[in-house]
């Protein structure tokens, strides 16, 4: 009987270790994905294409929410990268980004997003400074 209890305790401990390892792997994967999302400036062409797609999809609520997740993380944690990309847009597109993703954010308060953008050197010269 004692051996059976020890066996079940060992099995239970092993299953906890394996579950914890799966959780750690998932956590590391999500952290890597987050870092790659906020490091979009490593591929400016891809970021520019993403922003153009985000502009095209502003009328679709679900797509806009998906785009907002990345845009808001980018603004919050890498505002100079976001600003550099937005500065390449024409005035109309820039205003649309401001209206759709800064004035009506999904995940962060707009004041937090604005505060992040203001910390960049080129913010006052951007179309978002109005």
N, C-alpha and C. Protein backbone atom coordinates (compact mmCIF):
# COMPACT_ATOMS: atom_id res chain seq x y z
N UNK A 1 0.82 -1.19 0.00
CA UNK A 1 0.00 0.00 0.00
C UNK A 1 0.87 1.26 0.00
N UNK A 2 1.91 1.22 0.81
CA UNK A 2 2.81 2.35 0.90
C UNK A 2 3.49 2.58 -0.45
N UNK A 3 3.90 1.52 -1.11
CA UNK A 3 4.54 1.65 -2.42
C UNK A 3 3.57 2.25 -3.44
N UNK A 4 2.31 1.91 -3.35
CA UNK A 4 1.30 2.44 -4.24
C UNK A 4 1.13 3.95 -4.03
N UNK A 5 1.12 4.39 -2.79
CA UNK A 5 1.01 5.82 -2.47
C UNK A 5 2.24 6.57 -2.98
N UNK A 6 3.41 6.00 -2.79
CA UNK A 6 4.65 6.63 -3.27
C UNK A 6 4.63 6.71 -4.79
N UNK A 7 4.15 5.65 -5.44
CA UNK A 7 4.05 5.65 -6.90
C UNK A 7 3.12 6.76 -7.39
N UNK A 8 1.96 6.91 -6.77
CA UNK A 8 1.02 7.94 -7.19
C UNK A 8 1.55 9.35 -6.90
N UNK A 9 2.24 9.51 -5.79
CA UNK A 9 2.85 10.81 -5.50
C UNK A 9 3.93 11.15 -6.52
N UNK A 10 4.73 10.17 -6.89
CA UNK A 10 5.76 10.39 -7.90
C UNK A 10 5.13 10.72 -9.25
N UNK A 11 4.08 9.99 -9.60
CA UNK A 11 3.38 10.24 -10.86
C UNK A 11 2.76 11.64 -10.86
N UNK A 12 2.16 12.01 -9.74
CA UNK A 12 1.56 13.34 -9.61
C UNK A 12 2.63 14.43 -9.72
N UNK A 13 3.76 14.24 -9.07
CA UNK A 13 4.85 15.22 -9.13
C UNK A 13 5.38 15.34 -10.56
N UNK A 14 5.53 14.22 -11.23
CA UNK A 14 6.01 14.23 -12.60
C UNK A 14 5.03 14.98 -13.51
N UNK A 15 3.75 14.76 -13.32
CA UNK A 15 2.75 15.45 -14.16
C UNK A 15 2.75 16.95 -13.89
N UNK A 16 2.98 17.35 -12.63
CA UNK A 16 3.08 18.79 -12.33
C UNK A 16 4.29 19.41 -13.00
N UNK A 17 5.41 18.70 -13.00
CA UNK A 17 6.62 19.20 -13.64
C UNK A 17 6.40 19.35 -15.14
N UNK A 18 5.77 18.37 -15.76
CA UNK A 18 5.51 18.43 -17.20
C UNK A 18 4.53 19.56 -17.54
N UNK A 19 3.52 19.74 -16.73
CA UNK A 19 2.55 20.82 -16.97
C UNK A 19 3.23 22.18 -16.82
N UNK A 20 4.11 22.29 -15.82
CA UNK A 20 4.83 23.53 -15.60
C UNK A 20 5.77 23.81 -16.78
N UNK A 21 6.39 22.77 -17.32
CA UNK A 21 7.28 22.94 -18.45
C UNK A 21 6.49 23.41 -19.68
N UNK A 22 5.31 22.85 -19.90
CA UNK A 22 4.47 23.30 -21.02
C UNK A 22 4.07 24.76 -20.84
N UNK A 23 3.75 25.15 -19.62
CA UNK A 23 3.38 26.54 -19.35
C UNK A 23 4.57 27.45 -19.60
N UNK A 24 5.77 27.04 -19.21
CA UNK A 24 6.97 27.84 -19.44
C UNK A 24 7.26 27.97 -20.93
N UNK A 25 7.08 26.88 -21.67
CA UNK A 25 7.30 26.94 -23.12
C UNK A 25 6.30 27.89 -23.77
N UNK A 26 5.06 27.82 -23.36
CA UNK A 26 4.03 28.72 -23.90
C UNK A 26 4.35 30.17 -23.55
N UNK A 27 4.79 30.40 -22.33
CA UNK A 27 5.14 31.74 -21.90
C UNK A 27 6.31 32.29 -22.73
N UNK A 28 7.32 31.47 -22.95
CA UNK A 28 8.47 31.90 -23.76
C UNK A 28 8.06 32.19 -25.20
N UNK A 29 7.17 31.37 -25.75
CA UNK A 29 6.68 31.60 -27.11
C UNK A 29 5.94 32.93 -27.19
N UNK A 30 5.09 33.20 -26.22
CA UNK A 30 4.33 34.46 -26.22
C UNK A 30 5.24 35.66 -26.04
N UNK A 31 6.27 35.52 -25.20
CA UNK A 31 7.22 36.62 -25.02
C UNK A 31 7.99 36.89 -26.31
N UNK A 32 8.38 35.82 -27.00
CA UNK A 32 9.10 35.98 -28.26
C UNK A 32 8.21 36.65 -29.29
N UNK A 33 6.96 36.26 -29.34
CA UNK A 33 6.01 36.87 -30.28
C UNK A 33 5.81 38.35 -29.96
N UNK A 34 5.71 38.68 -28.67
CA UNK A 34 5.54 40.07 -28.26
C UNK A 34 6.74 40.91 -28.68
N UNK A 35 7.94 40.39 -28.44
CA UNK A 35 9.15 41.13 -28.79
C UNK A 35 9.24 41.32 -30.30
N UNK A 36 8.91 40.30 -31.06
CA UNK A 36 8.97 40.46 -32.52
C UNK A 36 7.92 41.44 -33.00
N UNK A 37 6.77 41.51 -32.31
CA UNK A 37 5.74 42.47 -32.69
C UNK A 37 6.18 43.91 -32.46
N UNK A 38 6.83 44.17 -31.35
CA UNK A 38 7.23 45.55 -31.08
C UNK A 38 8.53 45.91 -31.77
N UNK A 39 9.19 44.94 -32.38
CA UNK A 39 10.42 45.21 -33.11
C UNK A 39 10.16 45.18 -34.61
N UNK A 40 9.08 45.80 -35.03
CA UNK A 40 8.68 45.81 -36.43
C UNK A 40 9.62 46.63 -37.31
N UNK A 41 10.40 47.52 -36.73
CA UNK A 41 11.29 48.35 -37.54
C UNK A 41 12.44 47.55 -38.15
N UNK A 42 12.62 46.33 -37.70
CA UNK A 42 13.66 45.51 -38.30
C UNK A 42 13.31 45.17 -39.75
N UNK A 43 12.04 45.31 -40.12
CA UNK A 43 11.60 45.09 -41.50
C UNK A 43 10.61 46.22 -41.86
N UNK A 44 11.12 47.39 -42.23
CA UNK A 44 10.25 48.54 -42.50
C UNK A 44 9.23 48.30 -43.62
N UNK A 45 9.62 47.54 -44.63
CA UNK A 45 8.68 47.28 -45.73
C UNK A 45 7.47 46.49 -45.23
N UNK A 46 7.72 45.53 -44.36
CA UNK A 46 6.63 44.74 -43.80
C UNK A 46 5.73 45.61 -42.91
N UNK A 47 6.35 46.50 -42.13
CA UNK A 47 5.57 47.40 -41.28
C UNK A 47 4.73 48.35 -42.12
N UNK A 48 5.31 48.89 -43.18
CA UNK A 48 4.56 49.79 -44.06
C UNK A 48 3.38 49.07 -44.69
N UNK A 49 3.59 47.82 -45.10
CA UNK A 49 2.50 47.04 -45.67
C UNK A 49 1.42 46.78 -44.63
N UNK A 50 1.84 46.50 -43.41
CA UNK A 50 0.88 46.27 -42.33
C UNK A 50 0.03 47.51 -42.09
N UNK A 51 0.66 48.67 -42.07
CA UNK A 51 -0.07 49.92 -41.83
C UNK A 51 -1.04 50.20 -42.98
N UNK A 52 -0.63 49.93 -44.20
CA UNK A 52 -1.54 50.10 -45.33
C UNK A 52 -2.74 49.15 -45.21
N UNK A 53 -2.48 47.94 -44.78
CA UNK A 53 -3.58 46.98 -44.58
C UNK A 53 -4.49 47.45 -43.45
N UNK A 54 -3.90 47.97 -42.39
CA UNK A 54 -4.70 48.48 -41.27
C UNK A 54 -5.58 49.63 -41.72
N UNK A 55 -5.07 50.47 -42.59
CA UNK A 55 -5.88 51.58 -43.12
C UNK A 55 -7.02 51.06 -43.99
N UNK A 56 -6.74 50.04 -44.76
CA UNK A 56 -7.75 49.48 -45.65
C UNK A 56 -8.88 48.81 -44.85
N UNK A 57 -8.55 48.26 -43.68
CA UNK A 57 -9.51 47.49 -42.90
C UNK A 57 -10.18 48.26 -41.76
N UNK A 58 -10.14 49.58 -41.78
CA UNK A 58 -10.70 50.34 -40.66
C UNK A 58 -12.21 50.18 -40.52
N UNK A 59 -12.90 49.85 -41.60
CA UNK A 59 -14.35 49.72 -41.51
C UNK A 59 -14.80 48.36 -40.97
N UNK A 60 -13.90 47.37 -40.95
CA UNK A 60 -14.22 46.04 -40.41
C UNK A 60 -13.76 45.99 -38.95
N UNK A 61 -14.73 45.92 -38.04
CA UNK A 61 -14.43 46.02 -36.61
C UNK A 61 -13.45 44.94 -36.14
N UNK A 62 -13.66 43.70 -36.55
CA UNK A 62 -12.80 42.60 -36.10
C UNK A 62 -11.37 42.75 -36.62
N UNK A 63 -11.24 43.09 -37.89
CA UNK A 63 -9.90 43.28 -38.46
C UNK A 63 -9.23 44.48 -37.82
N UNK A 64 -10.00 45.54 -37.60
CA UNK A 64 -9.43 46.73 -36.97
C UNK A 64 -8.93 46.42 -35.57
N UNK A 65 -9.66 45.59 -34.84
CA UNK A 65 -9.22 45.20 -33.50
C UNK A 65 -7.92 44.41 -33.55
N UNK A 66 -7.79 43.51 -34.51
CA UNK A 66 -6.54 42.75 -34.65
C UNK A 66 -5.37 43.67 -34.98
N UNK A 67 -5.60 44.60 -35.88
CA UNK A 67 -4.54 45.56 -36.23
C UNK A 67 -4.22 46.46 -35.04
N UNK A 68 -5.25 46.84 -34.30
CA UNK A 68 -5.04 47.73 -33.15
C UNK A 68 -4.17 47.07 -32.10
N UNK A 69 -4.28 45.75 -31.95
CA UNK A 69 -3.45 45.05 -30.97
C UNK A 69 -1.98 45.30 -31.25
N UNK A 70 -1.56 45.17 -32.48
CA UNK A 70 -0.17 45.39 -32.82
C UNK A 70 0.19 46.86 -32.82
N UNK A 71 -0.68 47.68 -33.39
CA UNK A 71 -0.39 49.12 -33.46
C UNK A 71 -0.24 49.72 -32.06
N UNK A 72 -1.13 49.37 -31.16
CA UNK A 72 -1.06 49.94 -29.82
C UNK A 72 0.16 49.43 -29.05
N UNK A 73 0.52 48.18 -29.22
CA UNK A 73 1.74 47.67 -28.59
C UNK A 73 2.96 48.38 -29.16
N UNK A 74 2.95 48.60 -30.46
CA UNK A 74 4.05 49.29 -31.11
C UNK A 74 4.16 50.72 -30.61
N UNK A 75 3.04 51.41 -30.50
CA UNK A 75 3.05 52.78 -30.00
C UNK A 75 3.54 52.81 -28.56
N UNK A 76 3.06 51.90 -27.78
CA UNK A 76 3.38 51.89 -26.34
C UNK A 76 4.85 51.56 -26.09
N UNK A 77 5.39 50.58 -26.81
CA UNK A 77 6.73 50.08 -26.48
C UNK A 77 7.81 50.43 -27.49
N UNK A 78 7.44 50.94 -28.65
CA UNK A 78 8.42 51.35 -29.65
C UNK A 78 7.84 52.51 -30.46
N UNK A 79 7.56 53.63 -29.79
CA UNK A 79 6.86 54.73 -30.47
C UNK A 79 7.64 55.35 -31.62
N UNK A 80 8.96 55.39 -31.54
CA UNK A 80 9.73 55.99 -32.63
C UNK A 80 9.62 55.16 -33.90
N UNK A 81 9.53 53.85 -33.76
CA UNK A 81 9.35 52.97 -34.92
C UNK A 81 8.00 53.25 -35.58
N UNK A 82 6.96 53.32 -34.78
CA UNK A 82 5.63 53.60 -35.31
C UNK A 82 5.59 54.96 -35.99
N UNK A 83 6.16 55.95 -35.35
CA UNK A 83 6.15 57.30 -35.88
C UNK A 83 6.93 57.39 -37.20
N UNK A 84 8.05 56.69 -37.28
CA UNK A 84 8.82 56.69 -38.52
C UNK A 84 8.00 56.12 -39.68
N UNK A 85 7.24 55.11 -39.40
CA UNK A 85 6.41 54.50 -40.44
C UNK A 85 5.24 55.40 -40.82
N UNK A 86 4.60 56.00 -39.84
CA UNK A 86 3.45 56.87 -40.11
C UNK A 86 3.90 58.13 -40.86
N UNK A 87 5.10 58.60 -40.60
CA UNK A 87 5.59 59.79 -41.29
C UNK A 87 5.78 59.57 -42.78
N UNK A 88 5.82 58.32 -43.21
CA UNK A 88 5.94 58.02 -44.64
C UNK A 88 4.59 58.09 -45.36
N UNK A 89 3.52 58.18 -44.59
CA UNK A 89 2.17 58.20 -45.18
C UNK A 89 1.81 59.60 -45.66
N UNK A 90 0.85 59.66 -46.57
CA UNK A 90 0.33 60.97 -46.97
C UNK A 90 -0.53 61.52 -45.83
N UNK A 91 -0.86 62.79 -45.90
CA UNK A 91 -1.58 63.47 -44.82
C UNK A 91 -2.93 62.81 -44.52
N UNK A 92 -3.67 62.43 -45.56
CA UNK A 92 -4.98 61.82 -45.38
C UNK A 92 -4.88 60.48 -44.65
N UNK A 93 -3.92 59.66 -45.04
CA UNK A 93 -3.73 58.35 -44.39
C UNK A 93 -3.27 58.52 -42.94
N UNK A 94 -2.43 59.49 -42.72
CA UNK A 94 -1.96 59.75 -41.36
C UNK A 94 -3.12 60.14 -40.45
N UNK A 95 -3.99 61.00 -40.96
CA UNK A 95 -5.16 61.40 -40.17
C UNK A 95 -6.10 60.23 -39.92
N UNK A 96 -6.19 59.33 -40.89
CA UNK A 96 -7.04 58.16 -40.72
C UNK A 96 -6.47 57.23 -39.64
N UNK A 97 -5.16 57.08 -39.61
CA UNK A 97 -4.52 56.29 -38.55
C UNK A 97 -4.81 56.93 -37.20
N UNK A 98 -4.66 58.24 -37.14
CA UNK A 98 -4.91 58.95 -35.89
C UNK A 98 -6.35 58.78 -35.43
N UNK A 99 -7.29 58.95 -36.33
CA UNK A 99 -8.69 58.84 -35.98
C UNK A 99 -9.07 57.41 -35.59
N UNK A 100 -8.61 56.44 -36.35
CA UNK A 100 -9.05 55.05 -36.15
C UNK A 100 -8.31 54.31 -35.04
N UNK A 101 -7.05 54.64 -34.84
CA UNK A 101 -6.26 53.85 -33.89
C UNK A 101 -5.76 54.63 -32.68
N UNK A 102 -5.68 55.95 -32.78
CA UNK A 102 -5.24 56.74 -31.62
C UNK A 102 -6.41 57.35 -30.87
N UNK A 103 -7.37 57.89 -31.60
CA UNK A 103 -8.51 58.52 -30.94
C UNK A 103 -9.52 57.50 -30.43
N UNK A 104 -9.54 56.32 -31.04
CA UNK A 104 -10.45 55.25 -30.62
C UNK A 104 -9.67 53.95 -30.39
N UNK A 105 -8.78 53.93 -29.40
CA UNK A 105 -7.98 52.72 -29.18
C UNK A 105 -8.83 51.58 -28.59
N UNK A 106 -8.32 50.38 -28.73
CA UNK A 106 -9.02 49.20 -28.22
C UNK A 106 -8.49 48.75 -26.86
N UNK A 107 -7.18 48.83 -26.65
CA UNK A 107 -6.57 48.16 -25.50
C UNK A 107 -5.95 49.10 -24.48
N UNK A 108 -5.39 50.20 -24.92
CA UNK A 108 -4.75 51.15 -24.01
C UNK A 108 -5.55 52.45 -24.01
N UNK A 109 -5.53 53.16 -22.91
CA UNK A 109 -6.16 54.49 -22.92
C UNK A 109 -5.44 55.41 -23.91
N UNK A 110 -6.18 56.24 -24.58
CA UNK A 110 -5.56 57.10 -25.60
C UNK A 110 -4.51 58.03 -24.99
N UNK A 111 -4.70 58.41 -23.73
CA UNK A 111 -3.71 59.27 -23.08
C UNK A 111 -2.36 58.56 -22.95
N UNK A 112 -2.38 57.26 -22.68
CA UNK A 112 -1.13 56.49 -22.59
C UNK A 112 -0.44 56.41 -23.95
N UNK A 113 -1.22 56.21 -25.00
CA UNK A 113 -0.63 56.14 -26.33
C UNK A 113 -0.04 57.49 -26.73
N UNK A 114 -0.77 58.55 -26.47
CA UNK A 114 -0.26 59.90 -26.78
C UNK A 114 1.00 60.20 -25.97
N UNK A 115 1.00 59.81 -24.71
CA UNK A 115 2.18 60.04 -23.87
C UNK A 115 3.40 59.31 -24.42
N UNK A 116 3.20 58.11 -24.93
CA UNK A 116 4.32 57.36 -25.53
C UNK A 116 4.84 58.06 -26.77
N UNK A 117 3.93 58.53 -27.61
CA UNK A 117 4.35 59.20 -28.84
C UNK A 117 5.08 60.51 -28.56
N UNK A 118 4.63 61.23 -27.54
CA UNK A 118 5.25 62.52 -27.21
C UNK A 118 6.71 62.35 -26.79
N UNK A 119 7.07 61.18 -26.31
CA UNK A 119 8.45 60.95 -25.87
C UNK A 119 9.44 60.88 -27.02
N UNK A 120 8.96 60.72 -28.25
CA UNK A 120 9.88 60.62 -29.38
C UNK A 120 10.34 62.00 -29.81
N UNK A 121 11.51 62.04 -30.41
CA UNK A 121 12.08 63.32 -30.82
C UNK A 121 11.33 63.98 -31.97
N UNK A 122 10.83 63.17 -32.90
CA UNK A 122 10.22 63.72 -34.11
C UNK A 122 8.70 63.89 -33.99
N UNK A 123 8.16 63.77 -32.83
CA UNK A 123 6.70 63.82 -32.72
C UNK A 123 6.14 65.18 -33.13
N UNK A 124 6.77 66.24 -32.71
CA UNK A 124 6.23 67.59 -33.00
C UNK A 124 6.20 67.88 -34.49
N UNK A 125 7.05 67.24 -35.27
CA UNK A 125 7.08 67.46 -36.72
C UNK A 125 6.19 66.47 -37.47
N UNK A 126 5.55 65.55 -36.75
CA UNK A 126 4.73 64.54 -37.42
C UNK A 126 3.31 65.02 -37.64
N UNK A 127 2.59 64.31 -38.46
CA UNK A 127 1.19 64.65 -38.71
C UNK A 127 0.31 64.30 -37.52
N UNK A 128 0.79 63.53 -36.59
CA UNK A 128 0.03 63.14 -35.40
C UNK A 128 0.09 64.19 -34.29
N UNK A 129 0.91 65.21 -34.47
CA UNK A 129 1.12 66.20 -33.42
C UNK A 129 -0.04 67.17 -33.28
N UNK A 130 -0.95 67.18 -34.21
CA UNK A 130 -2.04 68.16 -34.15
C UNK A 130 -3.00 67.89 -33.02
